[in-house]
Amino acid sequence: MLIIVVINNFAFPGSDQLLEQLPPVIRAIDAPRHRADFLQRPVIHVNDNFGRWRSNFDQVIDYCRRNGARGATIAEQLSPRDSDCFVLKPGQSGFFQPPLPALLEHRR
């Protein structure tokens, strides 16, 4: 299961309206994530680095769920678990450049 760019700081115009619509989306992401766990299928998070090129994914999550961040609740609810994999995408797409294709091939 791929979870693509759900950890976010929501610091962009229109994010307030988007955040209001997200509770059912969070449930729609979380349910198949638990199903993937049950089926012993990998869960892979692909995420932006928000221009924080010296960060790792834990630092991105901490940044997004920091006190006062608009996306803190979502980052808390959908953060990768210890069994999940994660990829910080280098550009606009997680598929256009490595490392996602290499991880997908490794996980078959």
PDB file of N, CA and C in Angstrom:
ATOM      1  N   MET A   1       0.841  -1.160   0.000  1.00  0.00           N
ATOM      2  CA  MET A   1       0.000   0.000   0.000  1.00  0.00           C
ATOM      3  C   MET A   1       0.886   1.222   0.000  1.00  0.00           C
ATOM      4  N   LEU A   2       0.607   2.158  -0.901  1.00  0.00           N
ATOM      5  CA  LEU A   2       1.313   3.427  -0.935  1.00  0.00           C
ATOM      6  C   LEU A   2       0.445   4.517  -0.311  1.00  0.00           C
ATOM      7  N   ILE A   3       1.021   5.251   0.590  1.00  0.00           N
ATOM      8  CA  ILE A   3       0.363   6.410   1.187  1.00  0.00           C
ATOM      9  C   ILE A   3       1.180   7.617   0.740  1.00  0.00           C
ATOM     10  N   ILE A   4       0.616   8.384  -0.172  1.00  0.00           N
ATOM     11  CA  ILE A   4       1.398   9.418  -0.842  1.00  0.00           C
ATOM     12  C   ILE A   4       1.007  10.808  -0.343  1.00  0.00           C
ATOM     13  N   VAL A   5       1.971  11.478   0.247  1.00  0.00           N
ATOM     14  CA  VAL A   5       1.916  12.876   0.686  1.00  0.00           C
ATOM     15  C   VAL A   5       0.691  13.180   1.545  1.00  0.00           C
ATOM     16  N   VAL A   6       0.528  12.445   2.618  1.00  0.00           N
ATOM     17  CA  VAL A   6      -0.525  12.791   3.576  1.00  0.00           C
ATOM     18  C   VAL A   6       0.045  13.519   4.788  1.00  0.00           C
ATOM     19  N   ILE A   7       1.328  13.317   5.065  1.00  0.00           N
ATOM     20  CA  ILE A   7       1.974  14.065   6.138  1.00  0.00           C
ATOM     21  C   ILE A   7       2.334  15.417   5.540  1.00  0.00           C
ATOM     22  N   ASN A   8       1.713  16.477   6.075  1.00  0.00           N
ATOM     23  CA  ASN A   8       1.830  17.780   5.446  1.00  0.00           C
ATOM     24  C   ASN A   8       1.698  18.851   6.505  1.00  0.00           C
ATOM     25  N   ASN A   9       2.336  19.991   6.279  1.00  0.00           N
ATOM     26  CA  ASN A   9       2.190  21.096   7.225  1.00  0.00           C
ATOM     27  C   ASN A   9       0.964  21.955   6.916  1.00  0.00           C
ATOM     28  N   PHE A  10       0.335  21.753   5.758  1.00  0.00           N
ATOM     29  CA  PHE A  10      -0.882  22.461   5.351  1.00  0.00           C
ATOM     30  C   PHE A  10      -0.710  23.978   5.442  1.00  0.00           C
ATOM     31  N   ALA A  11       0.472  24.445   5.093  1.00  0.00           N
ATOM     32  CA  ALA A  11       0.758  25.879   5.091  1.00  0.00           C
ATOM     33  C   ALA A  11       0.665  26.407   3.666  1.00  0.00           C
ATOM     34  N   PHE A  12      -0.547  26.340   3.114  1.00  0.00           N
ATOM     35  CA  PHE A  12      -0.774  26.837   1.758  1.00  0.00           C
ATOM     36  C   PHE A  12      -2.186  27.392   1.677  1.00  0.00           C
ATOM     37  N   PRO A  13      -2.436  28.279   0.720  1.00  0.00           N
ATOM     38  CA  PRO A  13      -3.779  28.863   0.588  1.00  0.00           C
ATOM     39  C   PRO A  13      -4.834  27.780   0.350  1.00  0.00           C
ATOM     40  N   GLY A  14      -5.928  27.889   1.055  1.00  0.00           N
ATOM     41  CA  GLY A  14      -7.026  26.939   0.906  1.00  0.00           C
ATOM     42  C   GLY A  14      -6.926  25.723   1.795  1.00  0.00           C
ATOM     43  N   SER A  15      -5.859  25.640   2.595  1.00  0.00           N
ATOM     44  CA  SER A  15      -5.690  24.441   3.428  1.00  0.00           C
ATOM     45  C   SER A  15      -6.761  24.317   4.504  1.00  0.00           C
ATOM     46  N   ASP A  16      -7.305  25.430   4.958  1.00  0.00           N
ATOM     47  CA  ASP A  16      -8.356  25.356   5.982  1.00  0.00           C
ATOM     48  C   ASP A  16      -9.569  24.577   5.478  1.00  0.00           C
ATOM     49  N   GLN A  17      -9.971  24.848   4.240  1.00  0.00           N
ATOM     50  CA  GLN A  17     -11.112  24.128   3.659  1.00  0.00           C
ATOM     51  C   GLN A  17     -10.774  22.655   3.459  1.00  0.00           C
ATOM     52  N   LEU A  18      -9.559  22.387   3.040  1.00  0.00           N
ATOM     53  CA  LEU A  18      -9.140  20.999   2.857  1.00  0.00           C
ATOM     54  C   LEU A  18      -9.126  20.247   4.184  1.00  0.00           C
ATOM     55  N   LEU A  19      -8.607  20.868   5.219  1.00  0.00           N
ATOM     56  CA  LEU A  19      -8.544  20.219   6.530  1.00  0.00           C
ATOM     57  C   LEU A  19      -9.926  19.857   7.058  1.00  0.00           C
ATOM     58  N   GLU A  20     -10.927  20.689   6.754  1.00  0.00           N
ATOM     59  CA  GLU A  20     -12.289  20.393   7.195  1.00  0.00           C
ATOM     60  C   GLU A  20     -12.825  19.114   6.560  1.00  0.00           C
ATOM     61  N   GLN A  21     -12.338  18.774   5.385  1.00  0.00           N
ATOM     62  CA  GLN A  21     -12.838  17.618   4.645  1.00  0.00           C
ATOM     63  C   GLN A  21     -12.050  16.342   4.924  1.00  0.00           C
ATOM     64  N   LEU A  22     -10.992  16.420   5.698  1.00  0.00           N
ATOM     65  CA  LEU A  22     -10.085  15.280   5.836  1.00  0.00           C
ATOM     66  C   LEU A  22     -10.481  14.160   6.794  1.00  0.00           C
ATOM     67  N   PRO A  23     -11.313  14.359   7.811  1.00  0.00           N
ATOM     68  CA  PRO A  23     -11.602  13.218   8.703  1.00  0.00           C
ATOM     69  C   PRO A  23     -12.057  11.945   7.988  1.00  0.00           C
ATOM     70  N   PRO A  24     -12.981  11.986   7.022  1.00  0.00           N
ATOM     71  CA  PRO A  24     -13.327  10.729   6.350  1.00  0.00           C
ATOM     72  C   PRO A  24     -12.188  10.202   5.467  1.00  0.00           C
ATOM     73  N   VAL A  25     -11.355  11.091   4.970  1.00  0.00           N
ATOM     74  CA  VAL A  25     -10.203  10.663   4.165  1.00  0.00           C
ATOM     75  C   VAL A  25      -9.209   9.913   5.045  1.00  0.00           C
ATOM     76  N   ILE A  26      -8.996  10.412   6.244  1.00  0.00           N
ATOM     77  CA  ILE A  26      -8.086   9.740   7.179  1.00  0.00           C
ATOM     78  C   ILE A  26      -8.587   8.329   7.470  1.00  0.00           C
ATOM     79  N   ARG A  27      -9.874   8.200   7.713  1.00  0.00           N
ATOM     80  CA  ARG A  27     -10.440   6.857   7.958  1.00  0.00           C
ATOM     81  C   ARG A  27     -10.290   5.977   6.715  1.00  0.00           C
ATOM     82  N   ALA A  28     -10.459   6.570   5.539  1.00  0.00           N
ATOM     83  CA  ALA A  28     -10.346   5.809   4.285  1.00  0.00           C
ATOM     84  C   ALA A  28      -8.913   5.360   4.028  1.00  0.00           C
ATOM     85  N   ILE A  29      -7.952   6.046   4.561  1.00  0.00           N
ATOM     86  CA  ILE A  29      -6.545   5.637   4.439  1.00  0.00           C
ATOM     87  C   ILE A  29      -6.200   4.626   5.526  1.00  0.00           C
ATOM     88  N   ASP A  30      -6.680   4.850   6.716  1.00  0.00           N
ATOM     89  CA  ASP A  30      -6.303   4.008   7.852  1.00  0.00           C
ATOM     90  C   ASP A  30      -6.867   2.590   7.746  1.00  0.00           C
ATOM     91  N   ALA A  31      -8.079   2.442   7.243  1.00  0.00           N
ATOM     92  CA  ALA A  31      -8.684   1.100   7.144  1.00  0.00           C
ATOM     93  C   ALA A  31      -7.880   0.164   6.245  1.00  0.00           C
ATOM     94  N   PRO A  32      -7.530   0.550   5.011  1.00  0.00           N
ATOM     95  CA  PRO A  32      -6.715  -0.369   4.197  1.00  0.00           C
ATOM     96  C   PRO A  32      -5.295  -0.540   4.728  1.00  0.00           C
ATOM     97  N   ARG A  33      -4.821   0.431   5.485  1.00  0.00           N
ATOM     98  CA  ARG A  33      -3.500   0.278   6.109  1.00  0.00           C
ATOM     99  C   ARG A  33      -3.537  -0.878   7.102  1.00  0.00           C
ATOM    100  N   HIS A  34      -4.597  -0.967   7.889  1.00  0.00           N
ATOM    101  CA  HIS A  34      -4.732  -2.098   8.816  1.00  0.00           C
ATOM    102  C   HIS A  34      -4.938  -3.409   8.060  1.00  0.00           C
ATOM    103  N   ARG A  35      -5.649  -3.351   6.949  1.00  0.00           N
ATOM    104  CA  ARG A  35      -5.846  -4.546   6.110  1.00  0.00           C
ATOM    105  C   ARG A  35      -4.504  -5.015   5.539  1.00  0.00           C
ATOM    106  N   ALA A  36      -3.673  -4.086   5.104  1.00  0.00           N
ATOM    107  CA  ALA A  36      -2.337  -4.443   4.599  1.00  0.00           C
ATOM    108  C   ALA A  36      -1.518  -5.105   5.700  1.00  0.00           C
ATOM    109  N   ASP A  37      -1.626  -4.596   6.917  1.00  0.00           N
ATOM    110  CA  ASP A  37      -0.936  -5.232   8.046  1.00  0.00           C
ATOM    111  C   ASP A  37      -1.403  -6.669   8.234  1.00  0.00           C
ATOM    112  N   PHE A  38      -2.724  -6.861   8.209  1.00  0.00           N
ATOM    113  CA  PHE A  38      -3.300  -8.185   8.387  1.00  0.00           C
ATOM    114  C   PHE A  38      -2.809  -9.148   7.303  1.00  0.00           C
ATOM    115  N   LEU A  39      -2.709  -8.653   6.070  1.00  0.00           N
ATOM    116  CA  LEU A  39      -2.265  -9.474   4.942  1.00  0.00           C
ATOM    117  C   LEU A  39      -0.745  -9.537   4.826  1.00  0.00           C
ATOM    118  N   GLN A  40      -0.063  -8.900   5.749  1.00  0.00           N
ATOM    119  CA  GLN A  40       1.401  -8.838   5.767  1.00  0.00           C
ATOM    120  C   GLN A  40       1.944  -8.262   4.455  1.00  0.00           C
ATOM    121  N   ARG A  41       1.323  -7.174   4.021  1.00  0.00           N
ATOM    122  CA  ARG A  41       1.748  -6.448   2.833  1.00  0.00           C
ATOM    123  C   ARG A  41       2.452  -5.170   3.286  1.00  0.00           C
ATOM    124  N   PRO A  42       3.429  -4.717   2.532  1.00  0.00           N
ATOM    125  CA  PRO A  42       4.146  -3.509   2.948  1.00  0.00           C
ATOM    126  C   PRO A  42       3.281  -2.256   2.850  1.00  0.00           C
ATOM    127  N   VAL A  43       3.514  -1.357   3.762  1.00  0.00           N
ATOM    128  CA  VAL A  43       2.915  -0.028   3.740  1.00  0.00           C
ATOM    129  C   VAL A  43       4.076   0.942   3.544  1.00  0.00           C
ATOM    130  N   ILE A  44       4.006   1.729   2.476  1.00  0.00           N
ATOM    131  CA  ILE A  44       5.095   2.638   2.122  1.00  0.00           C
ATOM    132  C   ILE A  44       4.545   4.054   2.044  1.00  0.00           C
ATOM    133  N   HIS A  45       5.140   4.942   2.810  1.00  0.00           N
ATOM    134  CA  HIS A  45       4.790   6.354   2.789  1.00  0.00           C
ATOM    135  C   HIS A  45       5.738   7.068   1.828  1.00  0.00           C
ATOM    136  N   VAL A  46       5.186   7.883   0.948  1.00  0.00           N
ATOM    137  CA  VAL A  46       5.965   8.720   0.042  1.00  0.00           C
ATOM    138  C   VAL A  46       5.586  10.155   0.372  1.00  0.00           C
ATOM    139  N   ASN A  47       6.583  10.972   0.663  1.00  0.00           N
ATOM    140  CA  ASN A  47       6.243  12.291   1.173  1.00  0.00           C
ATOM    141  C   ASN A  47       7.199  13.368   0.694  1.00  0.00           C
ATOM    142  N   ASP A  48       6.700  14.607   0.714  1.00  0.00           N
ATOM    143  CA  ASP A  48       7.534  15.779   0.449  1.00  0.00           C
ATOM    144  C   ASP A  48       8.499  15.988   1.601  1.00  0.00           C
ATOM    145  N   ASN A  49       9.555  16.740   1.305  1.00  0.00           N
ATOM    146  CA  ASN A  49      10.458  17.142   2.380  1.00  0.00           C
ATOM    147  C   ASN A  49      10.250  18.604   2.751  1.00  0.00           C
ATOM    148  N   PHE A  50       9.348  19.302   2.057  1.00  0.00           N
ATOM    149  CA  PHE A  50       9.003  20.697   2.339  1.00  0.00           C
ATOM    150  C   PHE A  50      10.225  21.608   2.328  1.00  0.00           C
ATOM    151  N   GLY A  51      11.160  21.291   1.433  1.00  0.00           N
ATOM    152  CA  GLY A  51      12.361  22.113   1.315  1.00  0.00           C
ATOM    153  C   GLY A  51      13.357  21.915   2.441  1.00  0.00           C
ATOM    154  N   ARG A  52      13.133  20.910   3.251  1.00  0.00           N
ATOM    155  CA  ARG A  52      14.012  20.624   4.390  1.00  0.00           C
ATOM    156  C   ARG A  52      14.962  19.502   3.960  1.00  0.00           C
ATOM    157  N   TRP A  53      15.879  19.836   3.049  1.00  0.00           N
ATOM    158  CA  TRP A  53      16.709  18.838   2.385  1.00  0.00           C
ATOM    159  C   TRP A  53      17.693  18.139   3.311  1.00  0.00           C
ATOM    160  N   ARG A  54      17.907  18.630   4.471  1.00  0.00           N
ATOM    161  CA  ARG A  54      18.816  17.959   5.402  1.00  0.00           C
ATOM    162  C   ARG A  54      18.056  17.176   6.458  1.00  0.00           C
ATOM    163  N   SER A  55      16.791  16.992   6.213  1.00  0.00           N
ATOM    164  CA  SER A  55      15.964  16.292   7.193  1.00  0.00           C
ATOM    165  C   SER A  55      15.810  14.827   6.826  1.00  0.00           C
ATOM    166  N   ASN A  56      15.400  14.048   7.803  1.00  0.00           N
ATOM    167  CA  ASN A  56      14.986  12.680   7.541  1.00  0.00           C
ATOM    168  C   ASN A  56      13.473  12.618   7.770  1.00  0.00           C
ATOM    169  N   PHE A  57      12.875  11.475   7.538  1.00  0.00           N
ATOM    170  CA  PHE A  57      11.416  11.417   7.614  1.00  0.00           C
ATOM    171  C   PHE A  57      10.911  11.703   9.018  1.00  0.00           C
ATOM    172  N   ASP A  58      11.624  11.244  10.043  1.00  0.00           N
ATOM    173  CA  ASP A  58      11.216  11.545  11.419  1.00  0.00           C
ATOM    174  C   ASP A  58      11.191  13.049  11.661  1.00  0.00           C
ATOM    175  N   GLN A  59      12.172  13.759  11.100  1.00  0.00           N
ATOM    176  CA  GLN A  59      12.205  15.210  11.268  1.00  0.00           C
ATOM    177  C   GLN A  59      11.059  15.873  10.503  1.00  0.00           C
ATOM    178  N   VAL A  60      10.713  15.347   9.340  1.00  0.00           N
ATOM    179  CA  VAL A  60       9.575  15.882   8.583  1.00  0.00           C
ATOM    180  C   VAL A  60       8.290  15.687   9.382  1.00  0.00           C
ATOM    181  N   ILE A  61       8.111  14.502   9.962  1.00  0.00           N
ATOM    182  CA  ILE A  61       6.918  14.236  10.771  1.00  0.00           C
ATOM    183  C   ILE A  61       6.882  15.179  11.972  1.00  0.00           C
ATOM    184  N   ASP A  62       8.012  15.316  12.657  1.00  0.00           N
ATOM    185  CA  ASP A  62       8.060  16.225  13.801  1.00  0.00           C
ATOM    186  C   ASP A  62       7.722  17.654  13.382  1.00  0.00           C
ATOM    187  N   TYR A  63       8.224  18.069  12.234  1.00  0.00           N
ATOM    188  CA  TYR A  63       7.936  19.411  11.715  1.00  0.00           C
ATOM    189  C   TYR A  63       6.439  19.574  11.449  1.00  0.00           C
ATOM    190  N   CYS A  64       5.807  18.561  10.880  1.00  0.00           N
ATOM    191  CA  CYS A  64       4.384  18.649  10.528  1.00  0.00           C
ATOM    192  C   CYS A  64       3.466  18.510  11.730  1.00  0.00           C
ATOM    193  N   ARG A  65       3.928  17.888  12.789  1.00  0.00           N
ATOM    194  CA  ARG A  65       3.061  17.760  13.958  1.00  0.00           C
ATOM    195  C   ARG A  65       3.505  18.634  15.125  1.00  0.00           C
ATOM    196  N   ARG A  66       4.356  19.607  14.814  1.00  0.00           N
ATOM    197  CA  ARG A  66       4.814  20.533  15.851  1.00  0.00           C
ATOM    198  C   ARG A  66       3.633  21.325  16.400  1.00  0.00           C
ATOM    199  N   ASN A  67       3.787  21.856  17.561  1.00  0.00           N
ATOM    200  CA  ASN A  67       2.749  22.628  18.220  1.00  0.00           C
ATOM    201  C   ASN A  67       2.345  23.804  17.331  1.00  0.00           C
ATOM    202  N   GLY A  68       1.072  23.897  17.011  1.00  0.00           N
ATOM    203  CA  GLY A  68       0.558  24.973  16.181  1.00  0.00           C
ATOM    204  C   GLY A  68       0.512  24.686  14.692  1.00  0.00           C
ATOM    205  N   ALA A  69       1.078  23.574  14.243  1.00  0.00           N
ATOM    206  CA  ALA A  69       1.037  23.237  12.812  1.00  0.00           C
ATOM    207  C   ALA A  69      -0.372  22.807  12.430  1.00  0.00           C
ATOM    208  N   ARG A  70      -0.840  23.266  11.281  1.00  0.00           N
ATOM    209  CA  ARG A  70      -2.203  22.946  10.848  1.00  0.00           C
ATOM    210  C   ARG A  70      -2.413  21.451  10.631  1.00  0.00           C
ATOM    211  N   GLY A  71      -1.391  20.755  10.184  1.00  0.00           N
ATOM    212  CA  GLY A  71      -1.523  19.333   9.893  1.00  0.00           C
ATOM    213  C   GLY A  71      -1.106  18.417  11.026  1.00  0.00           C
ATOM    214  N   ALA A  72      -0.962  18.962  12.226  1.00  0.00           N
ATOM    215  CA  ALA A  72      -0.448  18.169  13.354  1.00  0.00           C
ATOM    216  C   ALA A  72      -1.303  16.943  13.647  1.00  0.00           C
ATOM    217  N   THR A  73      -2.609  17.090  13.640  1.00  0.00           N
ATOM    218  CA  THR A  73      -3.495  15.965  13.957  1.00  0.00           C
ATOM    219  C   THR A  73      -3.366  14.861  12.913  1.00  0.00           C
ATOM    220  N   ILE A  74      -3.319  15.233  11.652  1.00  0.00           N
ATOM    221  CA  ILE A  74      -3.199  14.241  10.577  1.00  0.00           C
ATOM    222  C   ILE A  74      -1.849  13.546  10.651  1.00  0.00           C
ATOM    223  N   ALA A  75      -0.790  14.319  10.873  1.00  0.00           N
ATOM    224  CA  ALA A  75       0.537  13.724  10.998  1.00  0.00           C
ATOM    225  C   ALA A  75       0.582  12.740  12.154  1.00  0.00           C
ATOM    226  N   GLU A  76      -0.101  13.051  13.228  1.00  0.00           N
ATOM    227  CA  GLU A  76      -0.141  12.148  14.381  1.00  0.00           C
ATOM    228  C   GLU A  76      -0.907  10.870  14.049  1.00  0.00           C
ATOM    229  N   GLN A  77      -2.051  11.002  13.379  1.00  0.00           N
ATOM    230  CA  GLN A  77      -2.904   9.844  13.099  1.00  0.00           C
ATOM    231  C   GLN A  77      -2.330   8.926  12.026  1.00  0.00           C
ATOM    232  N   LEU A  78      -1.669   9.489  11.024  1.00  0.00           N
ATOM    233  CA  LEU A  78      -1.225   8.680   9.887  1.00  0.00           C
ATOM    234  C   LEU A  78       0.289   8.538   9.785  1.00  0.00           C
ATOM    235  N   SER A  79       1.010   8.883  10.835  1.00  0.00           N
ATOM    236  CA  SER A  79       2.467   8.728  10.808  1.00  0.00           C
ATOM    237  C   SER A  79       2.837   7.274  10.570  1.00  0.00           C
ATOM    238  N   PRO A  80       3.952   7.064   9.893  1.00  0.00           N
ATOM    239  CA  PRO A  80       4.407   5.684   9.696  1.00  0.00           C
ATOM    240  C   PRO A  80       4.648   4.984  11.024  1.00  0.00           C
ATOM    241  N   ARG A  81       4.310   3.710  11.030  1.00  0.00           N
ATOM    242  CA  ARG A  81       4.592   2.868  12.197  1.00  0.00           C
ATOM    243  C   ARG A  81       5.964   2.231  12.004  1.00  0.00           C
ATOM    244  N   ASP A  82       6.456   1.570  13.016  1.00  0.00           N
ATOM    245  CA  ASP A  82       7.785   0.948  12.931  1.00  0.00           C
ATOM    246  C   ASP A  82       7.893  -0.040  11.783  1.00  0.00           C
ATOM    247  N   SER A  83       6.796  -0.681  11.415  1.00  0.00           N
ATOM    248  CA  SER A  83       6.827  -1.684  10.344  1.00  0.00           C
ATOM    249  C   SER A  83       6.718  -1.068   8.945  1.00  0.00           C
ATOM    250  N   ASP A  84       6.404   0.213   8.853  1.00  0.00           N
ATOM    251  CA  ASP A  84       6.232   0.875   7.558  1.00  0.00           C
ATOM    252  C   ASP A  84       7.571   1.315   6.972  1.00  0.00           C
ATOM    253  N   CYS A  85       7.595   1.433   5.663  1.00  0.00           N
ATOM    254  CA  CYS A  85       8.729   2.021   4.955  1.00  0.00           C
ATOM    255  C   CYS A  85       8.362   3.454   4.590  1.00  0.00           C
ATOM    256  N   PHE A  86       9.371   4.258   4.283  1.00  0.00           N
ATOM    257  CA  PHE A  86       9.089   5.620   3.865  1.00  0.00           C
ATOM    258  C   PHE A  86      10.142   6.095   2.886  1.00  0.00           C
ATOM    259  N   VAL A  87       9.706   7.017   2.028  1.00  0.00           N
ATOM    260  CA  VAL A  87      10.563   7.612   1.022  1.00  0.00           C
ATOM    261  C   VAL A  87      10.283   9.106   1.015  1.00  0.00           C
ATOM    262  N   LEU A  88      11.324   9.893   1.117  1.00  0.00           N
ATOM    263  CA  LEU A  88      11.173  11.328   0.888  1.00  0.00           C
ATOM    264  C   LEU A  88      11.417  11.565  -0.598  1.00  0.00           C
ATOM    265  N   LYS A  89      10.397  12.061  -1.273  1.00  0.00           N
ATOM    266  CA  LYS A  89      10.519  12.222  -2.721  1.00  0.00           C
ATOM    267  C   LYS A  89      11.369  13.438  -3.043  1.00  0.00           C
ATOM    268  N   PRO A  90      12.213  13.303  -4.069  1.00  0.00           N
ATOM    269  CA  PRO A  90      13.152  14.367  -4.391  1.00  0.00           C
ATOM    270  C   PRO A  90      12.555  15.513  -5.191  1.00  0.00           C
ATOM    271  N   GLY A  91      11.381  15.333  -5.758  1.00  0.00           N
ATOM    272  CA  GLY A  91      10.793  16.386  -6.582  1.00  0.00           C
ATOM    273  C   GLY A  91       9.293  16.322  -6.546  1.00  0.00           C
ATOM    274  N   GLN A  92       8.661  16.655  -7.648  1.00  0.00           N
ATOM    275  CA  GLN A  92       7.205  16.691  -7.725  1.00  0.00           C
ATOM    276  C   GLN A  92       6.579  15.304  -7.688  1.00  0.00           C
ATOM    277  N   SER A  93       7.321  14.278  -8.071  1.00  0.00           N
ATOM    278  CA  SER A  93       6.757  12.933  -8.153  1.00  0.00           C
ATOM    279  C   SER A  93       7.621  11.936  -7.400  1.00  0.00           C
ATOM    280  N   GLY A  94       6.972  11.041  -6.698  1.00  0.00           N
ATOM    281  CA  GLY A  94       7.694   9.965  -6.033  1.00  0.00           C
ATOM    282  C   GLY A  94       8.085   8.853  -6.989  1.00  0.00           C
ATOM    283  N   PHE A  95       7.549   8.893  -8.227  1.00  0.00           N
ATOM    284  CA  PHE A  95       7.818   7.845  -9.202  1.00  0.00           C
ATOM    285  C   PHE A  95       8.834   8.261 -10.253  1.00  0.00           C
ATOM    286  N   PHE A  96       9.043   9.542 -10.441  1.00  0.00           N
ATOM    287  CA  PHE A  96       9.882  10.021 -11.531  1.00  0.00           C
ATOM    288  C   PHE A  96      11.357   9.742 -11.310  1.00  0.00           C
ATOM    289  N   GLN A  97      11.834   9.883 -10.107  1.00  0.00           N
ATOM    290  CA  GLN A  97      13.245   9.693  -9.798  1.00  0.00           C
ATOM    291  C   GLN A  97      13.371   8.758  -8.611  1.00  0.00           C
ATOM    292  N   PRO A  98      14.518   8.084  -8.447  1.00  0.00           N
ATOM    293  CA  PRO A  98      14.711   7.276  -7.262  1.00  0.00           C
ATOM    294  C   PRO A  98      14.510   8.138  -6.031  1.00  0.00           C
ATOM    295  N   PRO A  99      14.202   7.561  -4.890  1.00  0.00           N
ATOM    296  CA  PRO A  99      14.395   6.194  -4.462  1.00  0.00           C
ATOM    297  C   PRO A  99      13.154   5.301  -4.502  1.00  0.00           C
ATOM    298  N   LEU A 100      11.954   5.796  -4.826  1.00  0.00           N
ATOM    299  CA  LEU A 100      10.768   4.953  -4.763  1.00  0.00           C
ATOM    300  C   LEU A 100      10.853   3.731  -5.675  1.00  0.00           C
ATOM    301  N   PRO A 101      11.240   3.839  -6.949  1.00  0.00           N
ATOM    302  CA  PRO A 101      11.292   2.633  -7.779  1.00  0.00           C
ATOM    303  C   PRO A 101      12.217   1.551  -7.213  1.00  0.00           C
ATOM    304  N   ALA A 102      13.336   1.966  -6.656  1.00  0.00           N
ATOM    305  CA  ALA A 102      14.271   0.992  -6.065  1.00  0.00           C
ATOM    306  C   ALA A 102      13.634   0.301  -4.865  1.00  0.00           C
ATOM    307  N   LEU A 103      12.918   1.045  -4.040  1.00  0.00           N
ATOM    308  CA  LEU A 103      12.254   0.445  -2.879  1.00  0.00           C
ATOM    309  C   LEU A 103      11.157  -0.504  -3.321  1.00  0.00           C
ATOM    310  N   LEU A 104      10.364  -0.124  -4.306  1.00  0.00           N
ATOM    311  CA  LEU A 104       9.308  -0.996  -4.790  1.00  0.00           C
ATOM    312  C   LEU A 104       9.881  -2.296  -5.368  1.00  0.00           C
ATOM    313  N   GLU A 105      10.966  -2.193  -6.109  1.00  0.00           N
ATOM    314  CA  GLU A 105      11.591  -3.406  -6.651  1.00  0.00           C
ATOM    315  C   GLU A 105      12.133  -4.288  -5.538  1.00  0.00           C
ATOM    316  N   HIS A 106      12.748  -3.682  -4.552  1.00  0.00           N
ATOM    317  CA  HIS A 106      13.283  -4.433  -3.408  1.00  0.00           C
ATOM    318  C   HIS A 106      12.183  -5.178  -2.666  1.00  0.00           C
ATOM    319  N   ARG A 107      11.010  -4.538  -2.523  1.00  0.00           N
ATOM    320  CA  ARG A 107       9.898  -5.142  -1.792  1.00  0.00           C
ATOM    321  C   ARG A 107       9.047  -6.071  -2.656  1.00  0.00           C
ATOM    322  N   ARG A 108       9.296  -6.105  -3.966  1.00  0.00           N
ATOM    323  CA  ARG A 108       8.557  -6.909  -4.943  1.00  0.00           C
ATOM    324  C   ARG A 108       7.074  -6.674  -4.815  1.00  0.00           C
TER     325      ARG A 108
END
